[in-house]
Protein backbone atom coordinates (compact mmCIF):
# COMPACT_ATOMS: atom_id res chain seq x y z
CA UNK A 1 0.00 0.00 0.00
CA UNK A 2 2.84 2.40 0.82
CA UNK A 3 4.50 1.65 -2.56
CA UNK A 4 1.24 2.23 -4.42
CA UNK A 5 0.70 5.52 -2.63
CA UNK A 6 4.25 6.62 -3.41
CA UNK A 7 3.83 5.70 -7.10
CA UNK A 8 0.50 7.48 -7.27
CA UNK A 9 1.88 10.64 -5.69
CA UNK A 10 4.86 10.63 -8.07
CA UNK A 11 2.58 10.26 -11.08
CA UNK A 12 0.49 13.17 -9.85
CA UNK A 13 3.64 15.26 -9.43
CA UNK A 14 4.91 14.45 -12.95
CA UNK A 15 1.48 15.16 -14.46
CA UNK A 16 1.12 18.47 -12.63
CA UNK A 17 4.57 19.70 -13.68
CA UNK A 18 3.97 18.58 -17.29
CA UNK A 19 0.69 20.50 -17.45
CA UNK A 20 2.36 23.53 -15.90
CA UNK A 21 5.13 23.38 -18.54
CA UNK A 22 2.57 23.21 -21.35
CA UNK A 23 0.64 26.19 -19.92
CA UNK A 24 3.81 28.26 -19.54
CA UNK A 25 4.93 27.46 -23.12
CA UNK A 26 1.52 28.38 -24.49
CA UNK A 27 1.59 31.66 -22.60
CA UNK A 28 5.08 32.48 -23.84
CA UNK A 29 3.97 31.82 -27.43
CA UNK A 30 1.51 34.74 -27.17
CA UNK A 31 4.32 37.04 -26.03
CA UNK A 32 6.55 36.25 -29.02
CA UNK A 33 6.29 38.63 -32.00
CA UNK A 34 4.41 37.32 -35.01
CA UNK A 35 6.27 36.51 -38.21
CA UNK A 36 4.58 37.00 -41.58
CA UNK A 37 5.21 35.16 -44.83
CA UNK A 38 4.83 36.91 -48.17
CA UNK A 39 5.25 35.10 -51.48
CA UNK A 40 5.02 35.58 -55.22
CA UNK A 41 4.97 33.20 -58.17
CA UNK A 42 7.41 33.66 -61.04
CA UNK A 43 6.72 32.10 -64.42
CA UNK A 44 10.00 31.34 -66.13
CA UNK A 45 8.53 30.27 -69.43
CA UNK A 46 10.26 27.97 -71.83
CA UNK A 47 7.56 25.32 -71.83
CA UNK A 48 9.10 21.86 -71.72
CA UNK A 49 12.63 23.12 -72.30
CA UNK A 50 14.90 20.85 -70.21
CA UNK A 51 17.13 23.83 -69.42
CA UNK A 52 14.34 25.75 -67.68
CA UNK A 53 15.17 24.35 -64.25
CA UNK A 54 18.83 25.22 -64.75
CA UNK A 55 17.92 28.77 -65.72
CA UNK A 56 15.86 29.10 -62.55
CA UNK A 57 18.67 27.80 -60.39
CA UNK A 58 21.21 30.06 -62.07
CA UNK A 59 19.04 33.15 -61.57
CA UNK A 60 18.46 32.16 -57.94
CA UNK A 61 22.21 31.72 -57.42
CA UNK A 62 22.69 35.33 -58.53
CA UNK A 63 19.92 36.63 -56.30
CA UNK A 64 20.89 34.61 -53.21
CA UNK A 65 24.59 35.49 -53.36
CA UNK A 66 26.07 37.29 -50.37
CA UNK A 67 26.59 40.50 -52.31
CA UNK A 68 22.99 40.57 -53.52
CA UNK A 69 21.47 39.83 -50.10
CA UNK A 70 23.81 42.29 -48.35
CA UNK A 71 22.59 45.04 -50.68
CA UNK A 72 18.98 44.07 -50.04
CA UNK A 73 19.37 43.94 -46.25
CA UNK A 74 21.03 47.36 -46.08
CA UNK A 75 18.60 49.21 -48.33
CA UNK A 76 17.46 52.29 -46.37
CA UNK A 77 13.78 51.60 -47.13
CA UNK A 78 14.06 48.02 -45.83
CA UNK A 79 16.79 48.15 -43.15
CA UNK A 80 16.31 44.46 -42.35
CA UNK A 81 17.52 42.78 -39.14
CA UNK A 82 18.69 46.07 -37.61
CA UNK A 83 18.90 44.76 -34.03
CA UNK A 84 20.54 41.52 -35.15
CA UNK A 85 23.11 43.40 -37.21
CA UNK A 86 24.11 45.35 -34.12
CA UNK A 87 24.91 42.06 -32.33
CA UNK A 88 26.19 39.82 -35.12
CA UNK A 89 28.38 40.20 -38.22
CA UNK A 90 26.60 40.79 -41.49
CA UNK A 91 27.88 37.45 -42.82
CA UNK A 92 26.04 35.58 -40.04
CA UNK A 93 22.89 37.61 -40.62
CA UNK A 94 22.93 36.69 -44.31
CA UNK A 95 23.41 32.99 -43.54
CA UNK A 96 20.50 33.07 -41.08
CA UNK A 97 18.33 34.80 -43.68
CA UNK A 98 19.12 32.15 -46.30
CA UNK A 99 18.54 29.19 -43.95
CA UNK A 100 15.45 30.37 -42.05
CA UNK A 101 13.56 33.14 -43.83
CA UNK A 102 14.25 32.87 -47.57
CA UNK A 103 12.79 30.08 -49.67
CA UNK A 104 12.35 29.10 -53.30
CA UNK A 105 9.94 26.33 -54.27
CA UNK A 106 9.68 24.77 -57.73
CA UNK A 107 5.96 24.39 -58.52
CA UNK A 108 6.08 22.50 -61.83
CA UNK A 109 8.37 21.51 -64.66
CA UNK A 110 7.04 24.25 -66.92
CA UNK A 111 9.04 26.91 -65.13
CA UNK A 112 6.76 28.16 -62.35
CA UNK A 113 8.33 28.69 -58.94
CA UNK A 114 7.43 30.50 -55.72
CA UNK A 115 9.65 32.95 -53.84
CA UNK A 116 8.82 33.38 -50.13
CA UNK A 117 10.20 35.47 -47.29
CA UNK A 118 9.33 35.52 -43.57
CA UNK A 119 9.77 38.63 -41.41
CA UNK A 120 8.16 40.26 -38.34
CA UNK A 121 7.04 43.29 -40.39
CA UNK A 122 4.44 42.21 -42.97
CA UNK A 123 4.94 45.28 -45.15
CA UNK A 124 8.69 44.70 -45.29
CA UNK A 125 8.10 41.01 -46.02
CA UNK A 126 6.03 42.03 -49.04
CA UNK A 127 8.60 44.60 -50.17
CA UNK A 128 11.44 42.07 -49.93
CA UNK A 129 9.57 39.53 -52.08
CA UNK A 130 8.88 42.20 -54.71
CA UNK A 131 12.56 43.15 -54.69
CA UNK A 132 13.61 39.50 -54.96
CA UNK A 133 11.34 38.77 -57.90
CA UNK A 134 12.63 41.89 -59.63
CA UNK A 135 16.21 40.70 -59.05
CA UNK A 136 15.33 37.24 -60.41
CA UNK A 137 13.79 38.69 -63.55
CA UNK A 138 16.80 40.96 -64.12
CA UNK A 139 19.21 38.05 -63.58
CA UNK A 140 17.34 35.81 -66.01
CA UNK A 141 17.25 38.39 -68.85
CA UNK A 142 14.52 36.30 -70.45
CA UNK A 143 11.34 38.29 -69.88
CA UNK A 144 10.01 36.23 -67.00
CA UNK A 145 6.71 37.30 -65.45
CA UNK A 146 5.87 37.48 -61.74
CA UNK A 147 2.73 38.02 -59.71
CA UNK A 148 2.79 40.86 -57.15
CA UNK A 149 3.80 39.76 -53.66
CA UNK A 150 0.84 39.27 -51.35
CA UNK A 151 0.44 41.28 -48.15
CA UNK A 152 0.05 38.69 -45.34
CA UNK A 153 -2.76 39.35 -42.90
CA UNK A 154 -2.19 36.67 -40.24
CA UNK A 155 1.21 35.64 -38.83
CA UNK A 156 2.58 32.24 -39.80
CA UNK A 157 4.73 32.00 -36.69
CA UNK A 158 5.20 31.28 -33.85
CA UNK A 159 3.89 27.71 -34.13
CA UNK A 160 1.96 27.47 -30.88
CA UNK A 161 1.28 23.76 -31.23
CA UNK A 162 5.00 23.02 -31.47
CA UNK A 163 5.72 25.22 -28.47
CA UNK A 164 2.94 23.50 -26.55
CA UNK A 165 4.46 20.08 -27.27
CA UNK A 166 7.91 21.31 -26.26
CA UNK A 167 6.52 22.73 -23.02
CA UNK A 168 4.77 19.46 -22.28
CA UNK A 169 7.96 17.48 -22.91
CA UNK A 170 10.10 19.76 -20.74
CA UNK A 171 7.46 19.60 -18.02
CA UNK A 172 7.53 15.79 -18.11
CA UNK A 173 11.31 15.79 -17.83
CA UNK A 174 11.24 18.26 -14.95
CA UNK A 175 8.52 16.23 -13.21
CA UNK A 176 10.52 13.01 -13.50
CA UNK A 177 13.59 14.71 -12.03
CA UNK A 178 11.47 16.16 -9.23
CA UNK A 179 9.98 12.74 -8.44
CA UNK A 180 13.47 11.24 -8.28
CA UNK A 181 14.53 13.99 -5.88
CA UNK A 182 11.47 13.26 -3.77
CA UNK A 183 12.05 9.50 -3.84
CA UNK A 184 15.83 9.42 -3.41
CA UNK A 185 16.79 12.98 -2.62
CA UNK A 186 20.38 12.45 -1.52
CA UNK A 187 21.25 10.08 -4.38
CA UNK A 188 19.63 12.33 -6.99
CA UNK A 189 21.41 15.44 -5.75
CA UNK A 190 24.76 13.66 -5.88
CA UNK A 191 24.13 12.52 -9.46
CA UNK A 192 23.07 16.03 -10.50
CA UNK A 193 26.20 17.38 -8.83
CA UNK A 194 28.35 14.97 -10.85
CA UNK A 195 26.58 16.09 -14.01
CA UNK A 196 27.18 19.76 -13.28
CA UNK A 197 30.82 19.05 -12.45
CA UNK A 198 31.23 17.23 -15.77
CA UNK A 199 29.60 20.14 -17.59
CA UNK A 200 31.91 22.70 -15.96
CA UNK A 201 35.04 20.63 -16.59
CA UNK A 202 34.16 20.05 -20.25
CA UNK A 203 33.35 23.74 -20.75
CA UNK A 204 36.65 24.78 -19.17
CA UNK A 205 38.62 22.34 -21.33
CA UNK A 206 36.89 23.60 -24.47
CA UNK A 207 38.37 27.05 -23.90
CA UNK A 208 41.85 25.53 -24.10
CA UNK A 209 41.16 24.58 -27.72
CA UNK A 210 41.89 27.52 -30.10
CA UNK A 211 39.09 28.97 -32.17
CA UNK A 212 38.81 27.89 -35.80
CA UNK A 213 37.30 30.04 -38.51
CA UNK A 214 35.77 29.06 -41.84
CA UNK A 215 35.93 31.19 -44.98
CA UNK A 216 34.04 30.22 -48.11
CA UNK A 217 33.63 31.31 -51.72
CA UNK A 218 31.04 30.31 -54.31
CA UNK A 219 31.97 29.85 -57.96
CA UNK A 220 29.99 28.90 -61.04
CA UNK A 221 31.22 26.93 -64.02
CA UNK A 222 29.75 27.87 -67.39
CA UNK A 223 30.47 26.08 -70.66
CA UNK A 224 31.16 27.95 -73.87
CA UNK A 225 28.14 29.67 -75.51
CA UNK A 226 26.44 27.86 -78.35
CA UNK A 227 25.89 29.16 -81.87
CA UNK A 228 22.99 31.33 -80.66
CA UNK A 229 25.14 32.93 -77.99
CA UNK A 230 23.31 31.11 -75.18
CA UNK A 231 25.30 29.71 -72.27
CA UNK A 232 24.50 26.12 -71.39
CA UNK A 233 24.59 24.40 -68.03
CA UNK A 234 26.85 21.74 -66.61
CA UNK A 235 24.99 18.67 -65.41
CA UNK A 236 25.84 16.55 -62.38
CA UNK A 237 28.14 14.06 -64.14
CA UNK A 238 29.98 16.81 -66.02
CA UNK A 239 30.34 18.84 -62.83
CA UNK A 240 31.79 15.85 -60.99
CA UNK A 241 34.32 15.26 -63.80
CA UNK A 242 35.29 18.96 -63.85
CA UNK A 243 35.81 19.03 -60.06
CA UNK A 244 37.83 15.81 -60.23
CA UNK A 245 40.14 17.42 -62.78
CA UNK A 246 40.57 20.50 -60.61
CA UNK A 247 41.36 18.33 -57.61
CA UNK A 248 44.21 16.79 -59.58
CA UNK A 249 45.52 20.19 -60.71
CA UNK A 250 44.61 22.91 -58.22
CA UNK A 251 44.44 20.68 -55.14
CA UNK A 252 47.52 18.64 -55.91
CA UNK A 253 50.20 18.26 -53.24
CA UNK A 254 52.53 20.69 -55.02
CA UNK A 255 49.83 23.33 -55.47
CA UNK A 256 48.64 23.18 -51.87
CA UNK A 257 52.15 23.21 -50.45
CA UNK A 258 52.95 26.29 -52.54
CA UNK A 259 50.05 28.07 -50.82
CA UNK A 260 51.10 26.77 -47.40
CA UNK A 261 54.63 28.17 -47.83
CA UNK A 262 53.64 31.61 -49.07
CA UNK A 263 55.23 34.19 -46.74
CA UNK A 264 51.97 36.10 -46.38
CA UNK A 265 50.19 32.92 -45.21
CA UNK A 266 52.81 30.68 -43.57
CA UNK A 267 50.20 28.05 -42.74
CA UNK A 268 50.79 25.22 -40.26
CA UNK A 269 54.12 26.75 -39.24
CA UNK A 270 54.56 24.58 -36.17
CA UNK A 271 53.59 21.38 -37.97
CA UNK A 272 56.01 22.02 -40.83
CA UNK A 273 58.98 22.08 -38.47
CA UNK A 274 58.67 18.48 -37.32
CA UNK A 275 56.41 16.71 -39.84
CA UNK A 276 56.93 15.71 -43.49
CA UNK A 277 55.43 17.71 -46.34
CA UNK A 278 52.84 15.06 -47.18
CA UNK A 279 51.50 15.11 -43.61
CA UNK A 280 51.17 18.91 -43.63
CA UNK A 281 49.38 18.84 -46.99
CA UNK A 282 47.10 16.15 -45.56
CA UNK A 283 46.17 18.49 -42.72
CA UNK A 284 45.19 21.19 -45.22
CA UNK A 285 43.14 18.68 -47.21
CA UNK A 286 41.15 17.89 -44.06
CA UNK A 287 40.46 21.60 -43.56
CA UNK A 288 39.44 22.08 -47.21
CA UNK A 289 35.93 21.34 -48.39
CA UNK A 290 34.40 21.50 -51.87
CA UNK A 291 30.64 21.11 -52.19
CA UNK A 292 28.39 21.08 -55.24
CA UNK A 293 25.10 20.18 -53.52
CA UNK A 294 22.66 21.00 -56.32
CA UNK A 295 24.96 20.36 -59.31
CA UNK A 296 23.60 23.43 -61.14
CA UNK A 297 27.05 24.57 -62.30
CA UNK A 298 27.92 26.13 -58.93
CA UNK A 299 30.14 24.89 -56.12
CA UNK A 300 31.36 26.22 -52.78
CA UNK A 301 34.98 26.17 -51.65
CA UNK A 302 35.66 26.54 -47.92
CA UNK A 303 38.71 26.38 -45.66
CA UNK A 304 38.96 26.24 -41.86
CA UNK A 305 41.95 27.59 -39.93
CA UNK A 306 42.81 29.18 -36.60
CA UNK A 307 43.55 32.64 -38.08
CA UNK A 308 40.51 34.23 -39.74
CA UNK A 309 42.54 36.56 -41.95
CA UNK A 310 44.75 33.73 -43.20
CA UNK A 311 41.63 31.65 -43.71
CA UNK A 312 40.22 34.25 -46.08
CA UNK A 313 43.58 34.72 -47.82
CA UNK A 314 43.95 30.97 -48.40
CA UNK A 315 40.50 30.73 -49.99
CA UNK A 316 41.27 33.77 -52.15
CA UNK A 317 44.49 32.11 -53.30
CA UNK A 318 42.66 28.92 -54.25
CA UNK A 319 39.98 30.88 -56.10
CA UNK A 320 42.69 32.74 -58.04
CA UNK A 321 44.32 29.44 -58.96
CA UNK A 322 41.00 28.07 -60.22
CA UNK A 323 40.22 31.20 -62.25
CA UNK A 324 43.74 31.42 -63.68
CA UNK A 325 43.63 27.78 -64.70
CA UNK A 326 40.85 28.59 -67.18
CA UNK A 327 42.52 31.56 -68.90
CA UNK A 328 45.85 32.21 -70.57
CA UNK A 329 47.55 35.38 -71.75
CA UNK A 330 48.42 34.91 -75.41
CA UNK A 331 52.07 35.71 -76.06
CA UNK A 332 51.36 36.97 -79.57
CA UNK A 333 49.00 39.64 -78.24
CA UNK A 334 51.63 40.96 -75.85
CA UNK A 335 54.43 40.86 -78.41
CA UNK A 336 52.31 42.68 -80.98
CA UNK A 337 51.51 45.43 -78.55
CA UNK A 338 54.99 45.98 -77.19
CA UNK A 339 58.24 44.65 -78.71
CA UNK A 340 60.39 42.63 -76.30
CA UNK A 341 63.48 44.01 -74.66
CA UNK A 342 66.82 42.44 -75.24
CA UNK A 343 67.47 39.18 -73.43
CA UNK A 344 66.13 35.67 -73.36
CA UNK A 345 63.13 34.49 -71.41
CA UNK A 346 61.07 31.36 -70.97
CA UNK A 347 57.43 31.95 -69.99
CA UNK A 348 55.81 29.24 -72.07
CA UNK A 349 55.14 27.01 -69.08
CA UNK A 350 53.32 29.70 -67.09
CA UNK A 351 49.64 30.60 -67.21
CA UNK A 352 47.35 33.36 -66.00
CA UNK A 353 48.90 35.97 -63.72
CA UNK A 354 52.26 34.18 -63.60
CA UNK A 355 52.55 34.34 -67.40
CA UNK A 356 51.60 38.02 -67.40
CA UNK A 357 54.17 38.83 -64.71
CA UNK A 358 56.88 36.91 -66.55
CA UNK A 359 56.20 38.63 -69.87
CA UNK A 360 55.85 42.03 -68.19
CA UNK A 361 59.32 41.72 -66.70
CA UNK A 362 60.69 41.70 -70.27
CA UNK A 363 58.15 43.78 -72.16
CA UNK A 364 57.76 46.55 -69.63
CA UNK A 365 54.37 48.04 -68.72
CA UNK A 366 51.46 46.46 -70.54
CA UNK A 367 48.69 48.65 -71.86
CA UNK A 368 45.82 47.97 -72.16
CA UNK A 369 45.34 46.01 -68.94
CA UNK A 370 46.29 42.36 -68.97
CA UNK A 371 42.64 41.28 -68.56
CA UNK A 372 41.90 42.48 -72.09
CA UNK A 373 44.65 40.20 -73.43
CA UNK A 374 43.40 37.04 -71.76
CA UNK A 375 41.88 34.22 -73.75
CA UNK A 376 39.98 31.18 -72.57
CA UNK A 377 42.17 28.14 -72.09
CA UNK A 378 39.25 25.70 -72.03
CA UNK A 379 35.62 25.68 -73.13
CA UNK A 380 34.42 26.49 -69.62
CA UNK A 381 34.55 29.84 -67.91
CA UNK A 382 34.58 30.59 -64.18
CA UNK A 383 32.32 33.13 -62.55
CA UNK A 384 32.86 34.12 -58.90
CA UNK A 385 29.44 34.51 -57.32
CA UNK A 386 30.75 35.17 -53.80
CA UNK A 387 34.40 36.02 -53.07
CA UNK A 388 36.16 34.62 -50.02
CA UNK A 389 34.37 35.74 -46.88
CA UNK A 390 36.08 37.15 -43.79
CA UNK A 391 34.69 35.10 -40.87
CA UNK A 392 33.83 37.01 -37.72
CA UNK A 393 32.58 34.26 -35.43
CA UNK A 394 34.46 30.97 -34.96
CA UNK A 395 33.09 27.80 -36.51
CA UNK A 396 34.60 25.68 -33.77
CA UNK A 397 34.98 24.32 -31.27
CA UNK A 398 31.28 23.97 -30.45
CA UNK A 399 31.56 24.75 -26.75
CA UNK A 400 27.84 24.30 -26.10
CA UNK A 401 28.01 20.77 -27.51
CA UNK A 402 31.14 19.98 -25.49
CA UNK A 403 29.47 21.24 -22.30
CA UNK A 404 26.37 19.15 -23.06
CA UNK A 405 28.47 16.03 -23.58
CA UNK A 406 30.23 16.72 -20.29
CA UNK A 407 26.86 17.08 -18.53
CA UNK A 408 25.52 13.74 -19.75
CA UNK A 409 28.86 12.01 -19.15
CA UNK A 410 28.87 13.33 -15.58
CA UNK A 411 25.30 12.18 -15.00
CA UNK A 412 26.04 8.70 -16.35
CA UNK A 413 29.28 8.29 -14.40
CA UNK A 414 27.66 9.66 -11.24
CA UNK A 415 24.73 7.25 -11.51
CA UNK A 416 27.10 4.35 -12.16
CA UNK A 417 29.39 5.23 -9.24
CA UNK A 418 26.49 5.73 -6.81
CA UNK A 419 24.57 2.64 -7.81
CA UNK A 420 23.30 0.49 -4.96
CA UNK A 421 25.66 -2.27 -3.98
CA UNK A 422 24.32 -5.63 -2.75
CA UNK A 423 24.38 -5.90 1.04
CA UNK A 424 25.99 -8.69 3.04
CA UNK A 425 23.84 -11.70 3.81
CA UNK A 426 24.42 -12.14 7.54
CA UNK A 427 23.28 -15.36 9.10
CA UNK A 428 22.56 -15.78 12.81
CA UNK A 429 25.26 -17.58 14.77
């Protein structure tokens, strides 16, 4: 009877705390500001043209680039995320906008897609969608049509049902912990103390690990125009083959080690003193990442390092190598413009900027600018959508995650250490 009463009282306690958590979460949801979603439909046209989807993705890549969104956010008439921009770098604000508030949805294969944006101000949400559709139409240069953005009347967020479920779940967890404290107060408090100690130790150790920053750049690969002057699109298999070729050339051991040893970068200085070259290059390969998630001619190059300025400089160097690998300065153009000085030279093996610098050392100043003398080396051309970013906030270590792991490890070890041990079976003499 005593056990049943204890179980019944604990169930009542857990239920009461769970209900209280749900009520509190529901009340908080009414205090949160509403967020409105405005949308517009863009008709790309082209009928059953198989390249329609690629055109949409290419136009959206232009619109969703960091430069485009930064201009949109800082427009005086919009002035988006003002409070957030005062607390966080603009780069982080843009990433949050792309992940949470900005959305494109393909409606059908005939070129119709929806552009949506969520924001606390419904008038600004509408204005942003109108600006985005205008940017998309300008980027497409194909006479696409768009419906006017709607003015939302009711907020789409916060999701009160989700908050209610979260409140109920947190209330259940709190009620279970409270029932344990009531049932075995001393044991529970010791276990909680072990968990907090593990959390504090893990958090303190995480600060001994240096911060690491990630810089990224987005590039787009475009094949040569066809007879009509239209630029095609690289498909998934072609993109994979192109990236594989660049990995052999640009990301070869020699190329990466040349970047590592540049005086302005001097990457992995401590590692280079006591480890072989191949090991140091392997470390850089682990910190490099190339992603082509949608295979619509674009890919993202990122690099993670402990110095944010060197991180950006390394990505810029890699981007320059990729761009220079697709162009060459024709020697005949330079020689025709300016006769060579006396002396011998050998620049035939160099490309891009290195070729121009080599020739310039013998020809003197080059006018017009060297860019006007460049010619494509291959059929593809490279377009830099987003240059290398300068990271403001570290990408690692994730100290919140480390502290959470320490908390659960402390709870588990505390519960294991304080488990009940079997008592001695004493028999009467």
